Amino acid sequence: MPDPFLRESWQRKATEERGVSDELKSAEKIYLNISSESQKDPELQMLFSDVRDALIRYKRIIDEIRKSREGSAINDIEARDKNMHFAHNRLIDALNILSRQFRKRGLDNNWREEIGTSRPAVSSWAQEIDENFLLPTKK
């Protein structure tokens, strides 16, 4: 396991390459901690990947809704809202599954409470994370 200073240095470098400032938001710190801890176990890696994918999908749907609200037909708005609701459920489910697996393995899963368990809390957490932060680093 790399020493803490080296890990912080790598995280800072990865963050800079993604175009995110050194000042990470609280939500991004939680995301990084979950990611780091998940890398130690192949099953957790897969489950974390599910969280990341659900988070990206949810954020993209919210952005799409924000951009297209005005002038849209009622049916279009309802369809987008329904998609957003399903994406939000998927994100919450993915977070809960990963949290349970952390607990099952004796890992700290307090991040789940930090995110919050209510729908508005999960939504706020998701929206606080810059989407560029979620994308893989380009080589």
N, C-alpha and C. Protein backbone atom coordinates (compact mmCIF):
# COMPACT_ATOMS: atom_id res chain seq x y z
N MET A 1 0.86 -1.18 0.00
CA MET A 1 0.00 0.00 0.00
C MET A 1 0.90 1.23 0.00
N PRO A 2 0.64 2.17 -0.92
CA PRO A 2 1.49 3.36 -0.97
C PRO A 2 1.33 4.18 0.30
N ASP A 3 2.43 4.90 0.63
CA ASP A 3 2.32 5.72 1.83
C ASP A 3 1.32 6.85 1.61
N PRO A 4 0.74 7.40 2.69
CA PRO A 4 -0.32 8.40 2.57
C PRO A 4 0.09 9.62 1.74
N PHE A 5 1.35 10.07 1.91
CA PHE A 5 1.78 11.25 1.16
C PHE A 5 1.76 10.97 -0.34
N LEU A 6 2.25 9.79 -0.73
CA LEU A 6 2.28 9.43 -2.14
C LEU A 6 0.86 9.31 -2.70
N ARG A 7 -0.05 8.70 -1.94
CA ARG A 7 -1.44 8.57 -2.38
C ARG A 7 -2.07 9.94 -2.59
N GLU A 8 -1.84 10.86 -1.63
CA GLU A 8 -2.38 12.22 -1.76
C GLU A 8 -1.80 12.90 -3.00
N SER A 9 -0.52 12.68 -3.24
CA SER A 9 0.13 13.27 -4.41
C SER A 9 -0.50 12.74 -5.69
N TRP A 10 -0.75 11.45 -5.75
CA TRP A 10 -1.38 10.85 -6.93
C TRP A 10 -2.79 11.39 -7.12
N GLN A 11 -3.54 11.49 -6.03
CA GLN A 11 -4.91 12.00 -6.12
C GLN A 11 -4.90 13.44 -6.61
N ARG A 12 -3.97 14.24 -6.10
CA ARG A 12 -3.87 15.64 -6.52
C ARG A 12 -3.53 15.72 -8.00
N LYS A 13 -2.58 14.88 -8.46
CA LYS A 13 -2.19 14.88 -9.87
C LYS A 13 -3.38 14.46 -10.74
N ALA A 14 -4.07 13.41 -10.34
CA ALA A 14 -5.24 12.96 -11.12
C ALA A 14 -6.30 14.04 -11.17
N THR A 15 -6.49 14.72 -10.06
CA THR A 15 -7.47 15.80 -10.00
C THR A 15 -7.08 16.93 -10.95
N GLU A 16 -5.82 17.30 -10.95
CA GLU A 16 -5.36 18.37 -11.83
C GLU A 16 -5.52 17.98 -13.29
N GLU A 17 -5.25 16.71 -13.62
CA GLU A 17 -5.38 16.26 -15.00
C GLU A 17 -6.84 16.29 -15.46
N ARG A 18 -7.77 16.15 -14.54
CA ARG A 18 -9.19 16.20 -14.88
C ARG A 18 -9.69 17.63 -14.96
N GLY A 19 -8.84 18.58 -14.60
CA GLY A 19 -9.24 19.99 -14.68
C GLY A 19 -10.03 20.45 -13.48
N VAL A 20 -9.89 19.79 -12.34
CA VAL A 20 -10.59 20.18 -11.13
C VAL A 20 -9.60 20.88 -10.22
N SER A 21 -10.04 21.89 -9.52
CA SER A 21 -9.14 22.64 -8.64
C SER A 21 -8.64 21.77 -7.50
N ASP A 22 -7.58 22.23 -6.84
CA ASP A 22 -7.03 21.51 -5.70
C ASP A 22 -8.01 21.47 -4.53
N GLU A 23 -8.89 22.46 -4.47
CA GLU A 23 -9.88 22.52 -3.41
C GLU A 23 -11.03 21.58 -3.77
N LEU A 24 -10.97 20.37 -3.27
CA LEU A 24 -12.04 19.42 -3.56
C LEU A 24 -13.26 19.74 -2.72
N LYS A 25 -14.40 19.58 -3.33
CA LYS A 25 -15.65 19.75 -2.60
C LYS A 25 -15.83 18.56 -1.67
N SER A 26 -16.63 18.74 -0.65
CA SER A 26 -16.90 17.67 0.30
C SER A 26 -17.41 16.42 -0.41
N ALA A 27 -18.32 16.60 -1.34
CA ALA A 27 -18.88 15.45 -2.07
C ALA A 27 -17.80 14.73 -2.86
N GLU A 28 -16.87 15.48 -3.43
CA GLU A 28 -15.79 14.87 -4.21
C GLU A 28 -14.82 14.13 -3.30
N LYS A 29 -14.60 14.63 -2.09
CA LYS A 29 -13.74 13.94 -1.13
C LYS A 29 -14.36 12.60 -0.75
N ILE A 30 -15.65 12.61 -0.50
CA ILE A 30 -16.36 11.36 -0.17
C ILE A 30 -16.23 10.39 -1.34
N TYR A 31 -16.45 10.88 -2.54
CA TYR A 31 -16.35 10.05 -3.74
C TYR A 31 -14.95 9.44 -3.86
N LEU A 32 -13.92 10.25 -3.66
CA LEU A 32 -12.54 9.77 -3.75
C LEU A 32 -12.25 8.71 -2.69
N ASN A 33 -12.74 8.94 -1.47
CA ASN A 33 -12.52 7.97 -0.40
C ASN A 33 -13.20 6.64 -0.72
N ILE A 34 -14.41 6.70 -1.22
CA ILE A 34 -15.11 5.46 -1.59
C ILE A 34 -14.33 4.75 -2.70
N SER A 35 -13.90 5.51 -3.69
CA SER A 35 -13.15 4.95 -4.81
C SER A 35 -11.88 4.28 -4.32
N SER A 36 -11.13 4.97 -3.49
CA SER A 36 -9.86 4.46 -2.98
C SER A 36 -10.06 3.16 -2.21
N GLU A 37 -11.03 3.14 -1.35
CA GLU A 37 -11.30 1.95 -0.54
C GLU A 37 -11.80 0.79 -1.41
N SER A 38 -12.54 1.10 -2.45
CA SER A 38 -13.11 0.06 -3.33
C SER A 38 -12.04 -0.62 -4.17
N GLN A 39 -10.94 0.06 -4.42
CA GLN A 39 -9.89 -0.50 -5.28
C GLN A 39 -9.20 -1.70 -4.66
N LYS A 40 -9.43 -1.93 -3.38
CA LYS A 40 -8.76 -3.02 -2.67
C LYS A 40 -9.43 -4.38 -2.87
N ASP A 41 -10.60 -4.38 -3.49
CA ASP A 41 -11.38 -5.62 -3.62
C ASP A 41 -12.07 -5.63 -4.98
N PRO A 42 -11.88 -6.68 -5.77
CA PRO A 42 -12.47 -6.71 -7.13
C PRO A 42 -14.00 -6.56 -7.14
N GLU A 43 -14.68 -7.16 -6.17
CA GLU A 43 -16.14 -7.04 -6.13
C GLU A 43 -16.55 -5.60 -5.81
N LEU A 44 -15.84 -4.99 -4.88
CA LEU A 44 -16.12 -3.60 -4.54
C LEU A 44 -15.82 -2.67 -5.72
N GLN A 45 -14.80 -3.02 -6.50
CA GLN A 45 -14.50 -2.23 -7.70
C GLN A 45 -15.68 -2.23 -8.66
N MET A 46 -16.26 -3.41 -8.85
CA MET A 46 -17.43 -3.52 -9.74
C MET A 46 -18.61 -2.72 -9.20
N LEU A 47 -18.84 -2.84 -7.91
CA LEU A 47 -19.96 -2.12 -7.30
C LEU A 47 -19.72 -0.62 -7.33
N PHE A 48 -18.47 -0.20 -7.14
CA PHE A 48 -18.17 1.23 -7.23
C PHE A 48 -18.37 1.72 -8.66
N SER A 49 -18.02 0.90 -9.62
CA SER A 49 -18.24 1.25 -11.03
C SER A 49 -19.73 1.47 -11.29
N ASP A 50 -20.57 0.65 -10.67
CA ASP A 50 -22.02 0.83 -10.79
C ASP A 50 -22.46 2.18 -10.22
N VAL A 51 -21.87 2.55 -9.07
CA VAL A 51 -22.18 3.85 -8.46
C VAL A 51 -21.77 4.97 -9.40
N ARG A 52 -20.53 4.88 -9.92
CA ARG A 52 -20.03 5.93 -10.83
C ARG A 52 -20.93 6.05 -12.06
N ASP A 53 -21.29 4.93 -12.67
CA ASP A 53 -22.13 4.96 -13.86
C ASP A 53 -23.51 5.55 -13.56
N ALA A 54 -24.08 5.16 -12.42
CA ALA A 54 -25.39 5.68 -12.03
C ALA A 54 -25.31 7.18 -11.76
N LEU A 55 -24.24 7.60 -11.15
CA LEU A 55 -24.03 9.02 -10.85
C LEU A 55 -23.91 9.84 -12.13
N ILE A 56 -23.13 9.34 -13.08
CA ILE A 56 -22.97 10.05 -14.36
C ILE A 56 -24.32 10.13 -15.08
N ARG A 57 -25.04 9.03 -15.12
CA ARG A 57 -26.34 9.02 -15.81
C ARG A 57 -27.32 10.00 -15.16
N TYR A 58 -27.37 9.98 -13.84
CA TYR A 58 -28.27 10.87 -13.11
C TYR A 58 -27.93 12.33 -13.39
N LYS A 59 -26.65 12.67 -13.32
CA LYS A 59 -26.23 14.05 -13.55
C LYS A 59 -26.55 14.49 -14.98
N ARG A 60 -26.37 13.61 -15.94
CA ARG A 60 -26.66 13.97 -17.33
C ARG A 60 -28.15 14.19 -17.56
N ILE A 61 -28.97 13.38 -16.93
CA ILE A 61 -30.42 13.55 -17.06
C ILE A 61 -30.84 14.88 -16.43
N ILE A 62 -30.29 15.20 -15.27
CA ILE A 62 -30.62 16.48 -14.62
C ILE A 62 -30.21 17.66 -15.50
N ASP A 63 -29.02 17.58 -16.08
CA ASP A 63 -28.56 18.65 -16.98
C ASP A 63 -29.48 18.78 -18.19
N GLU A 64 -29.88 17.65 -18.74
CA GLU A 64 -30.79 17.66 -19.89
C GLU A 64 -32.12 18.31 -19.52
N ILE A 65 -32.63 17.98 -18.35
CA ILE A 65 -33.90 18.55 -17.89
C ILE A 65 -33.77 20.06 -17.71
N ARG A 66 -32.69 20.49 -17.10
CA ARG A 66 -32.48 21.93 -16.89
C ARG A 66 -32.43 22.70 -18.21
N LYS A 67 -31.79 22.10 -19.20
CA LYS A 67 -31.62 22.78 -20.49
C LYS A 67 -32.90 22.81 -21.31
N SER A 68 -33.78 21.85 -21.08
CA SER A 68 -34.93 21.72 -21.97
C SER A 68 -36.28 22.00 -21.32
N ARG A 69 -36.32 22.49 -20.12
CA ARG A 69 -37.60 22.72 -19.43
C ARG A 69 -38.50 23.69 -20.19
N GLU A 70 -37.93 24.83 -20.54
CA GLU A 70 -38.76 25.86 -21.18
C GLU A 70 -39.09 25.46 -22.61
N GLY A 71 -40.33 25.61 -22.95
CA GLY A 71 -40.77 25.35 -24.32
C GLY A 71 -40.99 23.88 -24.64
N SER A 72 -40.82 22.99 -23.68
CA SER A 72 -41.02 21.57 -23.94
C SER A 72 -42.48 21.21 -23.74
N ALA A 73 -42.90 20.21 -24.48
CA ALA A 73 -44.26 19.70 -24.34
C ALA A 73 -44.37 18.98 -22.99
N ILE A 74 -45.56 18.97 -22.45
CA ILE A 74 -45.82 18.33 -21.15
C ILE A 74 -45.40 16.87 -21.18
N ASN A 75 -45.66 16.16 -22.26
CA ASN A 75 -45.29 14.74 -22.36
C ASN A 75 -43.78 14.55 -22.28
N ASP A 76 -43.04 15.46 -22.92
CA ASP A 76 -41.57 15.38 -22.88
C ASP A 76 -41.06 15.61 -21.46
N ILE A 77 -41.63 16.58 -20.78
CA ILE A 77 -41.22 16.88 -19.41
C ILE A 77 -41.52 15.69 -18.50
N GLU A 78 -42.70 15.11 -18.66
CA GLU A 78 -43.07 13.96 -17.83
C GLU A 78 -42.14 12.77 -18.09
N ALA A 79 -41.78 12.54 -19.35
CA ALA A 79 -40.88 11.44 -19.69
C ALA A 79 -39.50 11.66 -19.07
N ARG A 80 -39.01 12.88 -19.15
CA ARG A 80 -37.69 13.20 -18.56
C ARG A 80 -37.73 13.06 -17.05
N ASP A 81 -38.81 13.53 -16.44
CA ASP A 81 -38.94 13.41 -14.99
C ASP A 81 -38.97 11.94 -14.56
N LYS A 82 -39.66 11.13 -15.35
CA LYS A 82 -39.72 9.70 -15.06
C LYS A 82 -38.33 9.07 -15.18
N ASN A 83 -37.58 9.45 -16.22
CA ASN A 83 -36.22 8.96 -16.39
C ASN A 83 -35.33 9.40 -15.23
N MET A 84 -35.52 10.65 -14.80
CA MET A 84 -34.73 11.16 -13.68
C MET A 84 -35.05 10.36 -12.41
N HIS A 85 -36.31 10.08 -12.19
CA HIS A 85 -36.72 9.32 -11.01
C HIS A 85 -36.08 7.93 -11.03
N PHE A 86 -36.11 7.26 -12.18
CA PHE A 86 -35.50 5.92 -12.29
C PHE A 86 -33.99 6.00 -12.08
N ALA A 87 -33.35 7.01 -12.66
CA ALA A 87 -31.90 7.17 -12.50
C ALA A 87 -31.55 7.45 -11.04
N HIS A 88 -32.38 8.25 -10.37
CA HIS A 88 -32.15 8.56 -8.96
C HIS A 88 -32.28 7.30 -8.12
N ASN A 89 -33.30 6.49 -8.40
CA ASN A 89 -33.48 5.22 -7.68
C ASN A 89 -32.27 4.31 -7.90
N ARG A 90 -31.79 4.26 -9.13
CA ARG A 90 -30.63 3.42 -9.45
C ARG A 90 -29.41 3.88 -8.66
N LEU A 91 -29.19 5.19 -8.58
CA LEU A 91 -28.06 5.72 -7.83
C LEU A 91 -28.18 5.36 -6.34
N ILE A 92 -29.34 5.56 -5.78
CA ILE A 92 -29.55 5.24 -4.36
C ILE A 92 -29.33 3.75 -4.11
N ASP A 93 -29.87 2.91 -4.99
CA ASP A 93 -29.68 1.46 -4.85
C ASP A 93 -28.19 1.10 -4.92
N ALA A 94 -27.48 1.68 -5.88
CA ALA A 94 -26.05 1.38 -6.04
C ALA A 94 -25.26 1.81 -4.80
N LEU A 95 -25.58 2.98 -4.26
CA LEU A 95 -24.91 3.44 -3.04
C LEU A 95 -25.22 2.51 -1.86
N ASN A 96 -26.47 2.11 -1.73
CA ASN A 96 -26.86 1.23 -0.62
C ASN A 96 -26.20 -0.14 -0.72
N ILE A 97 -26.14 -0.69 -1.92
CA ILE A 97 -25.50 -2.00 -2.12
C ILE A 97 -24.02 -1.92 -1.77
N LEU A 98 -23.34 -0.89 -2.27
CA LEU A 98 -21.92 -0.73 -1.98
C LEU A 98 -21.70 -0.53 -0.48
N SER A 99 -22.53 0.27 0.15
CA SER A 99 -22.41 0.51 1.59
C SER A 99 -22.56 -0.79 2.38
N ARG A 100 -23.54 -1.60 2.01
CA ARG A 100 -23.74 -2.89 2.71
C ARG A 100 -22.52 -3.80 2.55
N GLN A 101 -21.93 -3.79 1.36
CA GLN A 101 -20.76 -4.62 1.13
C GLN A 101 -19.55 -4.11 1.91
N PHE A 102 -19.41 -2.80 2.05
CA PHE A 102 -18.36 -2.23 2.89
C PHE A 102 -18.54 -2.75 4.32
N ARG A 103 -19.76 -2.62 4.83
CA ARG A 103 -20.04 -3.05 6.21
C ARG A 103 -19.78 -4.55 6.37
N LYS A 104 -20.19 -5.33 5.39
CA LYS A 104 -20.02 -6.78 5.43
C LYS A 104 -18.53 -7.17 5.52
N ARG A 105 -17.67 -6.35 4.90
CA ARG A 105 -16.24 -6.62 4.90
C ARG A 105 -15.51 -5.93 6.06
N GLY A 106 -16.27 -5.28 6.93
CA GLY A 106 -15.67 -4.60 8.07
C GLY A 106 -15.02 -3.28 7.72
N LEU A 107 -15.36 -2.72 6.57
CA LEU A 107 -14.81 -1.43 6.15
C LEU A 107 -15.72 -0.30 6.63
N ASP A 108 -15.14 0.86 6.79
CA ASP A 108 -15.89 2.03 7.24
C ASP A 108 -16.88 2.45 6.15
N ASN A 109 -18.15 2.43 6.48
CA ASN A 109 -19.17 2.88 5.52
C ASN A 109 -19.92 4.10 6.04
N ASN A 110 -19.27 4.89 6.87
CA ASN A 110 -19.88 6.13 7.37
C ASN A 110 -20.14 7.13 6.25
N TRP A 111 -19.47 6.94 5.12
CA TRP A 111 -19.69 7.83 3.98
C TRP A 111 -21.15 7.81 3.55
N ARG A 112 -21.83 6.69 3.78
CA ARG A 112 -23.24 6.61 3.37
C ARG A 112 -24.08 7.59 4.18
N GLU A 113 -23.78 7.71 5.47
CA GLU A 113 -24.49 8.68 6.30
C GLU A 113 -24.06 10.10 5.96
N GLU A 114 -22.79 10.28 5.60
CA GLU A 114 -22.31 11.62 5.22
C GLU A 114 -23.03 12.11 3.96
N ILE A 115 -23.27 11.20 3.04
CA ILE A 115 -24.01 11.57 1.82
C ILE A 115 -25.44 11.93 2.20
N GLY A 116 -26.01 11.14 3.09
CA GLY A 116 -27.39 11.33 3.50
C GLY A 116 -28.25 10.22 2.94
N THR A 117 -29.32 9.93 3.64
CA THR A 117 -30.17 8.82 3.21
C THR A 117 -31.45 9.28 2.53
N SER A 118 -31.74 10.55 2.62
CA SER A 118 -32.97 11.04 1.97
C SER A 118 -32.71 11.29 0.48
N ARG A 119 -33.76 11.29 -0.29
CA ARG A 119 -33.65 11.56 -1.73
C ARG A 119 -33.03 12.93 -1.99
N PRO A 120 -33.48 13.99 -1.30
CA PRO A 120 -32.87 15.30 -1.55
C PRO A 120 -31.37 15.34 -1.18
N ALA A 121 -30.98 14.62 -0.13
CA ALA A 121 -29.57 14.61 0.28
C ALA A 121 -28.71 13.92 -0.78
N VAL A 122 -29.18 12.80 -1.30
CA VAL A 122 -28.43 12.09 -2.34
C VAL A 122 -28.35 12.95 -3.60
N SER A 123 -29.43 13.61 -3.93
CA SER A 123 -29.45 14.50 -5.10
C SER A 123 -28.45 15.65 -4.93
N SER A 124 -28.42 16.25 -3.77
CA SER A 124 -27.48 17.35 -3.51
C SER A 124 -26.05 16.87 -3.62
N TRP A 125 -25.76 15.70 -3.06
CA TRP A 125 -24.42 15.13 -3.13
C TRP A 125 -24.03 14.90 -4.59
N ALA A 126 -24.91 14.30 -5.35
CA ALA A 126 -24.62 14.00 -6.76
C ALA A 126 -24.37 15.28 -7.55
N GLN A 127 -25.17 16.29 -7.31
CA GLN A 127 -25.05 17.52 -8.08
C GLN A 127 -23.82 18.34 -7.69
N GLU A 128 -23.28 18.10 -6.51
CA GLU A 128 -22.09 18.83 -6.06
C GLU A 128 -20.82 18.33 -6.76
N ILE A 129 -20.86 17.12 -7.28
CA ILE A 129 -19.68 16.55 -7.92
C ILE A 129 -19.63 17.00 -9.37
N ASP A 130 -18.50 17.58 -9.75
CA ASP A 130 -18.29 18.02 -11.13
C ASP A 130 -18.19 16.78 -12.02
N GLU A 131 -18.93 16.76 -13.12
CA GLU A 131 -18.93 15.57 -13.98
C GLU A 131 -17.55 15.25 -14.53
N ASN A 132 -16.74 16.27 -14.79
CA ASN A 132 -15.38 16.02 -15.28
C ASN A 132 -14.55 15.24 -14.27
N PHE A 133 -14.89 15.39 -13.00
CA PHE A 133 -14.22 14.67 -11.93
C PHE A 133 -14.49 13.16 -12.04
N LEU A 134 -15.63 12.79 -12.59
CA LEU A 134 -16.03 11.38 -12.67
C LEU A 134 -15.44 10.64 -13.86
N LEU A 135 -15.01 11.40 -14.86
CA LEU A 135 -14.52 10.78 -16.08
C LEU A 135 -13.10 10.29 -15.89
N PRO A 136 -12.74 9.19 -16.56
CA PRO A 136 -11.39 8.65 -16.41
C PRO A 136 -10.36 9.67 -16.94
N THR A 137 -9.18 9.60 -16.37
CA THR A 137 -8.09 10.48 -16.79
C THR A 137 -7.63 10.08 -18.18
N LYS A 138 -7.46 11.07 -19.05
CA LYS A 138 -6.98 10.81 -20.41
C LYS A 138 -5.47 10.64 -20.37
N LYS A 139 -4.99 9.66 -21.13
CA LYS A 139 -3.53 9.42 -21.18
C LYS A 139 -2.96 9.89 -22.49
